[in-house]
Full PDB file with SEQRES, HELIX, SHEET, SSBOND, CRYST1, ORIGX, SCALE, CONECT and MASTER records, all heavy atoms in Angstrom:
SEQRES   1 A   41  VAL PHE LEU PRO ASP ASN GLN ILE LEU SER LEU MET SER          
SEQRES   2 A   41  SER GLN LEU ARG SER ALA GLU ILE TYR GLY PHE PHE PRO          
SEQRES   3 A   41  SER VAL TRP GLY ALA ALA TYR ILE ASP PHE GLY ALA SER          
SEQRES   4 A   41  GLY ALA                                                      
HELIX    1 AA1 ILE A    8  SER A   18  1                                  11    
HELIX    2 AA2 SER A   27  GLY A   40  1                                  14    
CRYST1    1.000    1.000    1.000  90.00  90.00  90.00 P 1           1          
ORIGX1      1.000000  0.000000  0.000000        0.00000                         
ORIGX2      0.000000  1.000000  0.000000        0.00000                         
ORIGX3      0.000000  0.000000  1.000000        0.00000                         
SCALE1      1.000000  0.000000  0.000000        0.00000                         
SCALE2      0.000000  1.000000  0.000000        0.00000                         
SCALE3      0.000000  0.000000  1.000000        0.00000                         
ATOM      1  N   VAL A   1     126.100-115.999 154.221  1.00  0.00           N  
ATOM      2  CA  VAL A   1     126.543-116.289 155.582  1.00  0.00           C  
ATOM      3  C   VAL A   1     127.792-117.160 155.595  1.00  0.00           C  
ATOM      4  O   VAL A   1     128.754-116.888 156.323  1.00  0.00           O  
ATOM      5  CB  VAL A   1     125.408-116.961 156.376  1.00  0.00           C  
ATOM      6  CG1 VAL A   1     125.910-117.424 157.756  1.00  0.00           C  
ATOM      7  CG2 VAL A   1     124.250-116.008 156.558  1.00  0.00           C  
ATOM      8  N   PHE A   2     127.769-118.229 154.788  1.00  0.00           N  
ATOM      9  CA  PHE A   2     128.843-119.224 154.876  1.00  0.00           C  
ATOM     10  C   PHE A   2     129.959-119.013 153.862  1.00  0.00           C  
ATOM     11  O   PHE A   2     131.071-119.524 154.047  1.00  0.00           O  
ATOM     12  CB  PHE A   2     128.253-120.633 154.693  1.00  0.00           C  
ATOM     13  CG  PHE A   2     127.265-120.991 155.776  1.00  0.00           C  
ATOM     14  CD1 PHE A   2     125.908-121.039 155.520  1.00  0.00           C  
ATOM     15  CD2 PHE A   2     127.710-121.267 157.068  1.00  0.00           C  
ATOM     16  CE1 PHE A   2     124.993-121.370 156.509  1.00  0.00           C  
ATOM     17  CE2 PHE A   2     126.811-121.607 158.071  1.00  0.00           C  
ATOM     18  CZ  PHE A   2     125.460-121.649 157.793  1.00  0.00           C  
ATOM     19  N   LEU A   3     129.695-118.263 152.790  1.00  0.00           N  
ATOM     20  CA  LEU A   3     130.757-117.952 151.799  1.00  0.00           C  
ATOM     21  C   LEU A   3     130.724-116.448 151.498  1.00  0.00           C  
ATOM     22  O   LEU A   3     130.430-116.031 150.391  1.00  0.00           O  
ATOM     23  CB  LEU A   3     130.540-118.752 150.523  1.00  0.00           C  
ATOM     24  CG  LEU A   3     130.689-120.268 150.623  1.00  0.00           C  
ATOM     25  CD1 LEU A   3     130.272-120.934 149.322  1.00  0.00           C  
ATOM     26  CD2 LEU A   3     132.118-120.671 150.977  1.00  0.00           C  
ATOM     27  N   PRO A   4     131.035-115.626 152.516  1.00  0.00           N  
ATOM     28  CA  PRO A   4     130.887-114.160 152.330  1.00  0.00           C  
ATOM     29  C   PRO A   4     131.823-113.596 151.278  1.00  0.00           C  
ATOM     30  O   PRO A   4     131.539-112.492 150.742  1.00  0.00           O  
ATOM     31  CB  PRO A   4     131.216-113.608 153.726  1.00  0.00           C  
ATOM     32  CG  PRO A   4     132.038-114.673 154.388  1.00  0.00           C  
ATOM     33  CD  PRO A   4     131.529-115.955 153.855  1.00  0.00           C  
ATOM     34  N   ASP A   5     132.914-114.272 150.960  1.00  0.00           N  
ATOM     35  CA  ASP A   5     133.847-113.754 149.973  1.00  0.00           C  
ATOM     36  C   ASP A   5     133.470-114.155 148.539  1.00  0.00           C  
ATOM     37  O   ASP A   5     134.110-113.715 147.598  1.00  0.00           O  
ATOM     38  CB  ASP A   5     135.264-114.264 150.281  1.00  0.00           C  
ATOM     39  CG  ASP A   5     135.807-113.694 151.589  1.00  0.00           C  
ATOM     40  OD1 ASP A   5     135.361-112.590 151.958  1.00  0.00           O  
ATOM     41  OD2 ASP A   5     136.646-114.347 152.217  1.00  0.00           O  
ATOM     42  N   ASN A   6     132.461-114.994 148.412  1.00  0.00           N  
ATOM     43  CA  ASN A   6     132.026-115.414 147.076  1.00  0.00           C  
ATOM     44  C   ASN A   6     131.428-114.214 146.339  1.00  0.00           C  
ATOM     45  O   ASN A   6     130.634-113.456 146.895  1.00  0.00           O  
ATOM     46  CB  ASN A   6     131.001-116.539 147.188  1.00  0.00           C  
ATOM     47  CG  ASN A   6     130.669-117.167 145.829  1.00  0.00           C  
ATOM     48  OD1 ASN A   6     129.965-116.584 145.036  1.00  0.00           O  
ATOM     49  ND2 ASN A   6     131.213-118.346 145.594  1.00  0.00           N  
ATOM     50  N   GLN A   7     131.786-114.072 145.087  1.00  0.00           N  
ATOM     51  CA  GLN A   7     131.413-112.879 144.314  1.00  0.00           C  
ATOM     52  C   GLN A   7     130.153-113.055 143.460  1.00  0.00           C  
ATOM     53  O   GLN A   7     129.706-112.114 142.798  1.00  0.00           O  
ATOM     54  CB  GLN A   7     132.571-112.490 143.375  1.00  0.00           C  
ATOM     55  CG  GLN A   7     133.839-112.109 144.112  1.00  0.00           C  
ATOM     56  CD  GLN A   7     133.635-110.917 145.004  1.00  0.00           C  
ATOM     57  OE1 GLN A   7     133.225-109.860 144.543  1.00  0.00           O  
ATOM     58  NE2 GLN A   7     133.929-111.065 146.287  1.00  0.00           N  
ATOM     59  N   ILE A   8     129.520-114.233 143.489  1.00  0.00           N  
ATOM     60  CA  ILE A   8     128.418-114.487 142.575  1.00  0.00           C  
ATOM     61  C   ILE A   8     127.201-113.613 142.911  1.00  0.00           C  
ATOM     62  O   ILE A   8     126.488-113.171 142.006  1.00  0.00           O  
ATOM     63  CB  ILE A   8     128.048-115.981 142.579  1.00  0.00           C  
ATOM     64  CG1 ILE A   8     127.145-116.272 141.371  1.00  0.00           C  
ATOM     65  CG2 ILE A   8     127.364-116.398 143.882  1.00  0.00           C  
ATOM     66  CD1 ILE A   8     126.996-117.737 141.088  1.00  0.00           C  
ATOM     67  N   LEU A   9     126.967-113.320 144.208  1.00  0.00           N  
ATOM     68  CA  LEU A   9     125.819-112.482 144.566  1.00  0.00           C  
ATOM     69  C   LEU A   9     126.012-111.048 144.087  1.00  0.00           C  
ATOM     70  O   LEU A   9     125.089-110.426 143.570  1.00  0.00           O  
ATOM     71  CB  LEU A   9     125.606-112.520 146.065  1.00  0.00           C  
ATOM     72  CG  LEU A   9     125.091-113.842 146.646  1.00  0.00           C  
ATOM     73  CD1 LEU A   9     124.975-113.746 148.168  1.00  0.00           C  
ATOM     74  CD2 LEU A   9     123.759-114.211 146.034  1.00  0.00           C  
ATOM     75  N   SER A  10     127.216-110.514 144.286  1.00  0.00           N  
ATOM     76  CA  SER A  10     127.467-109.146 143.838  1.00  0.00           C  
ATOM     77  C   SER A  10     127.442-109.069 142.310  1.00  0.00           C  
ATOM     78  O   SER A  10     126.955-108.083 141.733  1.00  0.00           O  
ATOM     79  CB  SER A  10     128.805-108.641 144.365  1.00  0.00           C  
ATOM     80  OG  SER A  10     129.853-109.469 143.951  1.00  0.00           O  
ATOM     81  N   LEU A  11     127.942-110.122 141.637  1.00  0.00           N  
ATOM     82  CA  LEU A  11     127.885-110.163 140.179  1.00  0.00           C  
ATOM     83  C   LEU A  11     126.433-110.182 139.696  1.00  0.00           C  
ATOM     84  O   LEU A  11     126.069-109.407 138.796  1.00  0.00           O  
ATOM     85  CB  LEU A  11     128.600-111.423 139.676  1.00  0.00           C  
ATOM     86  CG  LEU A  11     128.459-111.727 138.172  1.00  0.00           C  
ATOM     87  CD1 LEU A  11     129.110-110.642 137.346  1.00  0.00           C  
ATOM     88  CD2 LEU A  11     129.037-113.113 137.848  1.00  0.00           C  
ATOM     89  N   MET A  12     125.627-111.023 140.312  1.00  0.00           N  
ATOM     90  CA  MET A  12     124.221-111.109 139.921  1.00  0.00           C  
ATOM     91  C   MET A  12     123.516-109.773 140.170  1.00  0.00           C  
ATOM     92  O   MET A  12     122.773-109.298 139.298  1.00  0.00           O  
ATOM     93  CB  MET A  12     123.534-112.230 140.712  1.00  0.00           C  
ATOM     94  CG  MET A  12     122.063-112.416 140.376  1.00  0.00           C  
ATOM     95  SD  MET A  12     121.312-113.803 141.282  1.00  0.00           S  
ATOM     96  CE  MET A  12     121.320-113.130 142.962  1.00  0.00           C  
ATOM     97  N   SER A  13     123.747-109.173 141.320  1.00  0.00           N  
ATOM     98  CA  SER A  13     123.104-107.899 141.633  1.00  0.00           C  
ATOM     99  C   SER A  13     123.475-106.821 140.634  1.00  0.00           C  
ATOM    100  O   SER A  13     122.620-106.082 140.143  1.00  0.00           O  
ATOM    101  CB  SER A  13     123.462-107.468 143.041  1.00  0.00           C  
ATOM    102  OG  SER A  13     122.905-106.201 143.352  1.00  0.00           O  
ATOM    103  N   SER A  14     124.774-106.716 140.305  1.00  0.00           N  
ATOM    104  CA  SER A  14     125.218-105.670 139.371  1.00  0.00           C  
ATOM    105  C   SER A  14     124.645-105.909 137.974  1.00  0.00           C  
ATOM    106  O   SER A  14     124.263-104.974 137.286  1.00  0.00           O  
ATOM    107  CB  SER A  14     126.736-105.627 139.329  1.00  0.00           C  
ATOM    108  OG  SER A  14     127.274-106.853 138.851  1.00  0.00           O  
ATOM    109  N   GLN A  15     124.543-107.173 137.571  1.00  0.00           N  
ATOM    110  CA  GLN A  15     123.986-107.488 136.246  1.00  0.00           C  
ATOM    111  C   GLN A  15     122.500-107.114 136.175  1.00  0.00           C  
ATOM    112  O   GLN A  15     122.056-106.520 135.189  1.00  0.00           O  
ATOM    113  CB  GLN A  15     124.160-108.980 135.953  1.00  0.00           C  
ATOM    114  CG  GLN A  15     125.582-109.396 135.651  1.00  0.00           C  
ATOM    115  CD  GLN A  15     125.699-110.855 135.252  1.00  0.00           C  
ATOM    116  OE1 GLN A  15     126.685-111.291 134.671  1.00  0.00           O  
ATOM    117  NE2 GLN A  15     124.706-111.641 135.596  1.00  0.00           N  
ATOM    118  N   LEU A  16     121.763-107.468 137.209  1.00  0.00           N  
ATOM    119  CA  LEU A  16     120.339-107.172 137.218  1.00  0.00           C  
ATOM    120  C   LEU A  16     120.072-105.680 137.259  1.00  0.00           C  
ATOM    121  O   LEU A  16     119.141-105.173 136.619  1.00  0.00           O  
ATOM    122  CB  LEU A  16     119.664-107.849 138.401  1.00  0.00           C  
ATOM    123  CG  LEU A  16     119.721-109.384 138.429  1.00  0.00           C  
ATOM    124  CD1 LEU A  16     119.032-109.931 139.667  1.00  0.00           C  
ATOM    125  CD2 LEU A  16     119.080-109.982 137.168  1.00  0.00           C  
ATOM    126  N   ARG A  17     120.909-104.951 138.019  1.00  0.00           N  
ATOM    127  CA  ARG A  17     120.719-103.494 138.092  1.00  0.00           C  
ATOM    128  C   ARG A  17     121.066-102.823 136.775  1.00  0.00           C  
ATOM    129  O   ARG A  17     120.365-101.906 136.333  1.00  0.00           O  
ATOM    130  CB  ARG A  17     121.579-102.913 139.215  1.00  0.00           C  
ATOM    131  CG  ARG A  17     121.114-103.331 140.602  1.00  0.00           C  
ATOM    132  CD  ARG A  17     122.017-102.717 141.680  1.00  0.00           C  
ATOM    133  NE  ARG A  17     121.683-103.268 142.980  1.00  0.00           N  
ATOM    134  CZ  ARG A  17     120.633-102.918 143.707  1.00  0.00           C  
ATOM    135  NH1 ARG A  17     119.821-101.982 143.248  1.00  0.00           N  
ATOM    136  NH2 ARG A  17     120.391-103.461 144.878  1.00  0.00           N  
ATOM    137  N   SER A  18     122.126-103.278 136.136  1.00  0.00           N  
ATOM    138  CA  SER A  18     122.503-102.669 134.856  1.00  0.00           C  
ATOM    139  C   SER A  18     121.450-102.929 133.794  1.00  0.00           C  
ATOM    140  O   SER A  18     121.252-102.128 132.890  1.00  0.00           O  
ATOM    141  CB  SER A  18     123.872-103.201 134.408  1.00  0.00           C  
ATOM    142  OG  SER A  18     123.815-104.600 134.169  1.00  0.00           O  
ATOM    143  N   ALA A  19     120.768-104.081 133.893  1.00  0.00           N  
ATOM    144  CA  ALA A  19     119.711-104.406 132.942  1.00  0.00           C  
ATOM    145  C   ALA A  19     118.374-103.791 133.349  1.00  0.00           C  
ATOM    146  O   ALA A  19     117.374-103.952 132.633  1.00  0.00           O  
ATOM    147  CB  ALA A  19     119.554-105.915 132.823  1.00  0.00           C  
ATOM    148  N   GLU A  20     118.335-103.126 134.512  1.00  0.00           N  
ATOM    149  CA  GLU A  20     117.126-102.471 135.042  1.00  0.00           C  
ATOM    150  C   GLU A  20     115.999-103.497 135.283  1.00  0.00           C  
ATOM    151  O   GLU A  20     114.831-103.220 135.008  1.00  0.00           O  
ATOM    152  CB  GLU A  20     116.650-101.348 134.121  1.00  0.00           C  
ATOM    153  CG  GLU A  20     117.654-100.219 134.004  1.00  0.00           C  
ATOM    154  CD  GLU A  20     117.128 -99.056 133.190  1.00  0.00           C  
ATOM    155  OE1 GLU A  20     116.029 -99.202 132.585  1.00  0.00           O  
ATOM    156  OE2 GLU A  20     117.773 -97.999 133.169  1.00  0.00           O  
ATOM    157  N   ILE A  21     116.358-104.673 135.792  1.00  0.00           N  
ATOM    158  CA  ILE A  21     115.343-105.701 136.090  1.00  0.00           C  
ATOM    159  C   ILE A  21     115.451-106.152 137.541  1.00  0.00           C  
ATOM    160  O   ILE A  21     114.767-107.117 137.923  1.00  0.00           O  
ATOM    161  CB  ILE A  21     115.482-106.923 135.146  1.00  0.00           C  
ATOM    162  CG1 ILE A  21     116.903-107.501 135.226  1.00  0.00           C  
ATOM    163  CG2 ILE A  21     115.161-106.527 133.720  1.00  0.00           C  
ATOM    164  CD1 ILE A  21     117.061-108.778 134.393  1.00  0.00           C  
ATOM    165  N   TYR A  22     116.253-105.478 138.353  1.00  0.00           N  
ATOM    166  CA  TYR A  22     116.389-105.854 139.752  1.00  0.00           C  
ATOM    167  C   TYR A  22     115.069-105.646 140.473  1.00  0.00           C  
ATOM    168  O   TYR A  22     114.497-104.569 140.446  1.00  0.00           O  
ATOM    169  CB  TYR A  22     117.489-105.011 140.403  1.00  0.00           C  
ATOM    170  CG  TYR A  22     117.849-105.458 141.805  1.00  0.00           C  
ATOM    171  CD1 TYR A  22     118.850-106.401 142.008  1.00  0.00           C  
ATOM    172  CD2 TYR A  22     117.210-104.922 142.928  1.00  0.00           C  
ATOM    173  CE1 TYR A  22     119.201-106.819 143.273  1.00  0.00           C  
ATOM    174  CE2 TYR A  22     117.537-105.346 144.197  1.00  0.00           C  
ATOM    175  CZ  TYR A  22     118.541-106.269 144.361  1.00  0.00           C  
ATOM    176  OH  TYR A  22     118.871-106.686 145.640  1.00  0.00           O  
ATOM    177  N   GLY A  23     114.573-106.720 141.109  1.00  0.00           N  
ATOM    178  CA  GLY A  23     113.326-106.634 141.863  1.00  0.00           C  
ATOM    179  C   GLY A  23     112.069-106.888 141.055  1.00  0.00           C  
ATOM    180  O   GLY A  23     110.974-106.849 141.601  1.00  0.00           O  
ATOM    181  N   PHE A  24     112.224-107.164 139.768  1.00  0.00           N  
ATOM    182  CA  PHE A  24     111.055-107.440 138.921  1.00  0.00           C  
ATOM    183  C   PHE A  24     111.001-108.946 138.602  1.00  0.00           C  
ATOM    184  O   PHE A  24     112.021-109.623 138.575  1.00  0.00           O  
ATOM    185  CB  PHE A  24     111.124-106.662 137.616  1.00  0.00           C  
ATOM    186  CG  PHE A  24     110.983-105.178 137.796  1.00  0.00           C  
ATOM    187  CD1 PHE A  24     112.072-104.345 137.738  1.00  0.00           C  
ATOM    188  CD2 PHE A  24     109.731-104.617 138.018  1.00  0.00           C  
ATOM    189  CE1 PHE A  24     111.958-102.958 137.905  1.00  0.00           C  
ATOM    190  CE2 PHE A  24     109.588-103.249 138.177  1.00  0.00           C  
ATOM    191  CZ  PHE A  24     110.712-102.430 138.128  1.00  0.00           C  
ATOM    192  N   PHE A  25     109.787-109.435 138.317  1.00  0.00           N  
ATOM    193  CA  PHE A  25     109.643-110.830 137.893  1.00  0.00           C  
ATOM    194  C   PHE A  25     110.056-110.957 136.438  1.00  0.00           C  
ATOM    195  O   PHE A  25     109.645-110.173 135.603  1.00  0.00           O  
ATOM    196  CB  PHE A  25     108.199-111.287 138.066  1.00  0.00           C  
ATOM    197  CG  PHE A  25     107.764-111.436 139.498  1.00  0.00           C  
ATOM    198  CD1 PHE A  25     106.615-110.811 139.958  1.00  0.00           C  
ATOM    199  CD2 PHE A  25     108.506-112.189 140.396  1.00  0.00           C  
ATOM    200  CE1 PHE A  25     106.206-110.950 141.285  1.00  0.00           C  
ATOM    201  CE2 PHE A  25     108.122-112.334 141.712  1.00  0.00           C  
ATOM    202  CZ  PHE A  25     106.969-111.707 142.163  1.00  0.00           C  
ATOM    203  N   PRO A  26     110.849-112.004 136.080  1.00  0.00           N  
ATOM    204  CA  PRO A  26     111.383-112.102 134.722  1.00  0.00           C  
ATOM    205  C   PRO A  26     110.651-113.118 133.844  1.00  0.00           C  
ATOM    206  O   PRO A  26     111.058-113.294 132.701  1.00  0.00           O  
ATOM    207  CB  PRO A  26     112.815-112.583 134.972  1.00  0.00           C  
ATOM    208  CG  PRO A  26     112.679-113.477 136.167  1.00  0.00           C  
ATOM    209  CD  PRO A  26     111.532-112.934 136.991  1.00  0.00           C  
ATOM    210  N   SER A  27     109.624-113.798 134.343  1.00  0.00           N  
ATOM    211  CA  SER A  27     108.943-114.911 133.667  1.00  0.00           C  
ATOM    212  C   SER A  27     109.895-116.114 133.660  1.00  0.00           C  
ATOM    213  O   SER A  27     111.096-116.037 133.944  1.00  0.00           O  
ATOM    214  CB  SER A  27     108.527-114.557 132.239  1.00  0.00           C  
ATOM    215  OG  SER A  27     109.612-114.647 131.336  1.00  0.00           O  
ATOM    216  N   VAL A  28     109.330-117.265 133.315  1.00  0.00           N  
ATOM    217  CA  VAL A  28     110.132-118.497 133.310  1.00  0.00           C  
ATOM    218  C   VAL A  28     111.268-118.417 132.305  1.00  0.00           C  
ATOM    219  O   VAL A  28     112.395-118.879 132.582  1.00  0.00           O  
ATOM    220  CB  VAL A  28     109.220-119.722 133.004  1.00  0.00           C  
ATOM    221  CG1 VAL A  28     108.492-119.565 131.681  1.00  0.00           C  
ATOM    222  CG2 VAL A  28     110.036-120.999 132.991  1.00  0.00           C  
ATOM    223  N   TRP A  29     111.019-117.794 131.156  1.00  0.00           N  
ATOM    224  CA  TRP A  29     112.031-117.775 130.105  1.00  0.00           C  
ATOM    225  C   TRP A  29     113.183-116.843 130.500  1.00  0.00           C  
ATOM    226  O   TRP A  29     114.359-117.196 130.303  1.00  0.00           O  
ATOM    227  CB  TRP A  29     111.426-117.319 128.798  1.00  0.00           C  
ATOM    228  CG  TRP A  29     110.029-117.826 128.581  1.00  0.00           C  
ATOM    229  CD1 TRP A  29     108.872-117.083 128.559  1.00  0.00           C  
ATOM    230  CD2 TRP A  29     109.596-119.200 128.414  1.00  0.00           C  
ATOM    231  NE1 TRP A  29     107.776-117.876 128.363  1.00  0.00           N  
ATOM    232  CE2 TRP A  29     108.186-119.186 128.285  1.00  0.00           C  
ATOM    233  CE3 TRP A  29     110.273-120.411 128.368  1.00  0.00           C  
ATOM    234  CZ2 TRP A  29     107.436-120.337 128.098  1.00  0.00           C  
ATOM    235  CZ3 TRP A  29     109.531-121.578 128.183  1.00  0.00           C  
ATOM    236  CH2 TRP A  29     108.155-121.538 128.065  1.00  0.00           C  
ATOM    237  N   GLY A  30     112.888-115.685 131.078  1.00  0.00           N  
ATOM    238  CA  GLY A  30     113.935-114.787 131.514  1.00  0.00           C  
ATOM    239  C   GLY A  30     114.731-115.346 132.656  1.00  0.00           C  
ATOM    240  O   GLY A  30     115.971-115.246 132.696  1.00  0.00           O  
ATOM    241  N   ALA A  31     114.052-115.964 133.633  1.00  0.00           N  
ATOM    242  CA  ALA A  31     114.751-116.550 134.792  1.00  0.00           C  
ATOM    243  C   ALA A  31     115.680-117.676 134.354  1.00  0.00           C  
ATOM    244  O   ALA A  31     116.810-117.802 134.854  1.00  0.00           O  
ATOM    245  CB  ALA A  31     113.747-117.048 135.818  1.00  0.00           C  
ATOM    246  N   ALA A  32     115.209-118.499 133.417  1.00  0.00           N  
ATOM    247  CA  ALA A  32     116.036-119.611 132.933  1.00  0.00           C  
ATOM    248  C   ALA A  32     117.303-119.079 132.247  1.00  0.00           C  
ATOM    249  O   ALA A  32     118.399-119.658 132.438  1.00  0.00           O  
ATOM    250  CB  ALA A  32     115.245-120.470 131.970  1.00  0.00           C  
ATOM    251  N   TYR A  33     117.168-117.986 131.493  1.00  0.00           N  
ATOM    252  CA  TYR A  33     118.357-117.423 130.826  1.00  0.00           C  
ATOM    253  C   TYR A  33     119.303-116.801 131.842  1.00  0.00           C  
ATOM    254  O   TYR A  33     120.524-116.969 131.734  1.00  0.00           O  
ATOM    255  CB  TYR A  33     117.917-116.381 129.799  1.00  0.00           C  
ATOM    256  CG  TYR A  33     119.083-115.864 128.983  1.00  0.00           C  
ATOM    257  CD1 TYR A  33     119.497-116.533 127.838  1.00  0.00           C  
ATOM    258  CD2 TYR A  33     119.786-114.727 129.380  1.00  0.00           C  
ATOM    259  CE1 TYR A  33     120.571-116.063 127.096  1.00  0.00           C  
ATOM    260  CE2 TYR A  33     120.857-114.255 128.644  1.00  0.00           C  
ATOM    261  CZ  TYR A  33     121.259-114.935 127.516  1.00  0.00           C  
ATOM    262  OH  TYR A  33     122.338-114.484 126.789  1.00  0.00           O  
ATOM    263  N   ILE A  34     118.775-116.086 132.822  1.00  0.00           N  
ATOM    264  CA  ILE A  34     119.627-115.448 133.825  1.00  0.00           C  
ATOM    265  C   ILE A  34     120.440-116.494 134.584  1.00  0.00           C  
ATOM    266  O   ILE A  34     121.622-116.311 134.868  1.00  0.00           O  
ATOM    267  CB  ILE A  34     118.785-114.603 134.796  1.00  0.00           C  
ATOM    268  CG1 ILE A  34     118.196-113.403 134.078  1.00  0.00           C  
ATOM    269  CG2 ILE A  34     119.606-114.140 135.997  1.00  0.00           C  
ATOM    270  CD1 ILE A  34     117.147-112.651 134.878  1.00  0.00           C  
ATOM    271  N   ASP A  35     119.801-117.613 134.902  1.00  0.00           N  
ATOM    272  CA  ASP A  35     120.485-118.640 135.681  1.00  0.00           C  
ATOM    273  C   ASP A  35     121.436-119.506 134.866  1.00  0.00           C  
ATOM    274  O   ASP A  35     122.533-119.832 135.344  1.00  0.00           O  
ATOM    275  CB  ASP A  35     119.459-119.538 136.362  1.00  0.00           C  
ATOM    276  CG  ASP A  35     119.221-119.176 137.819  1.00  0.00           C  
ATOM    277  OD1 ASP A  35     120.127-118.621 138.451  1.00  0.00           O  
ATOM    278  OD2 ASP A  35     118.102-119.416 138.324  1.00  0.00           O  
ATOM    279  N   PHE A  36     121.050-119.852 133.614  1.00  0.00           N  
ATOM    280  CA  PHE A  36     121.800-120.888 132.894  1.00  0.00           C  
ATOM    281  C   PHE A  36     122.254-120.501 131.506  1.00  0.00           C  
ATOM    282  O   PHE A  36     122.852-121.318 130.812  1.00  0.00           O  
ATOM    283  CB  PHE A  36     120.939-122.161 132.807  1.00  0.00           C  
ATOM    284  CG  PHE A  36     120.430-122.639 134.141  1.00  0.00           C  
ATOM    285  CD1 PHE A  36     119.092-122.547 134.453  1.00  0.00           C  
ATOM    286  CD2 PHE A  36     121.296-123.183 135.079  1.00  0.00           C  
ATOM    287  CE1 PHE A  36     118.612-122.991 135.683  1.00  0.00           C  
ATOM    288  CE2 PHE A  36     120.844-123.623 136.312  1.00  0.00           C  
ATOM    289  CZ  PHE A  36     119.510-123.531 136.621  1.00  0.00           C  
ATOM    290  N   GLY A  37     121.983-119.279 131.045  1.00  0.00           N  
ATOM    291  CA  GLY A  37     122.368-118.918 129.696  1.00  0.00           C  
ATOM    292  C   GLY A  37     121.441-119.557 128.666  1.00  0.00           C  
ATOM    293  O   GLY A  37     120.492-120.288 129.014  1.00  0.00           O  
ATOM    294  N   ALA A  38     121.736-119.361 127.396  1.00  0.00           N  
ATOM    295  CA  ALA A  38     120.831-119.839 126.339  1.00  0.00           C  
ATOM    296  C   ALA A  38     120.766-121.362 126.293  1.00  0.00           C  
ATOM    297  O   ALA A  38     119.670-121.944 126.320  1.00  0.00           O  
ATOM    298  CB  ALA A  38     121.303-119.295 124.990  1.00  0.00           C  
ATOM    299  N   SER A  39     121.922-122.037 126.215  1.00  0.00           N  
ATOM    300  CA  SER A  39     121.931-123.497 126.117  1.00  0.00           C  
ATOM    301  C   SER A  39     121.370-124.131 127.404  1.00  0.00           C  
ATOM    302  O   SER A  39     120.569-125.061 127.328  1.00  0.00           O  
ATOM    303  CB  SER A  39     123.357-123.985 125.864  1.00  0.00           C  
ATOM    304  OG  SER A  39     123.866-123.474 124.651  1.00  0.00           O  
ATOM    305  N   GLY A  40     121.811-123.632 128.538  1.00  0.00           N  
ATOM    306  CA  GLY A  40     121.319-124.161 129.800  1.00  0.00           C  
ATOM    307  C   GLY A  40     119.840-123.960 129.989  1.00  0.00           C  
ATOM    308  O   GLY A  40     119.129-124.808 130.536  1.00  0.00           O  
ATOM    309  N   ALA A  41     119.313-122.822 129.498  1.00  0.00           N  
ATOM    310  CA  ALA A  41     117.900-122.543 129.600  1.00  0.00           C  
ATOM    311  C   ALA A  41     117.086-123.552 128.791  1.00  0.00           C  
ATOM    312  O   ALA A  41     116.017-124.012 129.232  1.00  0.00           O  
ATOM    313  CB  ALA A  41     117.598-121.118 129.132  1.00  0.00           C  
TER     314      ALA A  41                                                      
MASTER        0    0    0    2    0    0    0    6  313    1    0    4          
END                                                                             
């Protein structure tokens, strides 16, 4: 709503779809990696 030109949502959506995990639960370990990468997780 407030940052419609921001590309992070479309980036996230395309990544999840290409990995065939869009709409599925990823567990804590998968979610941590998706959000923050290996070191951040």
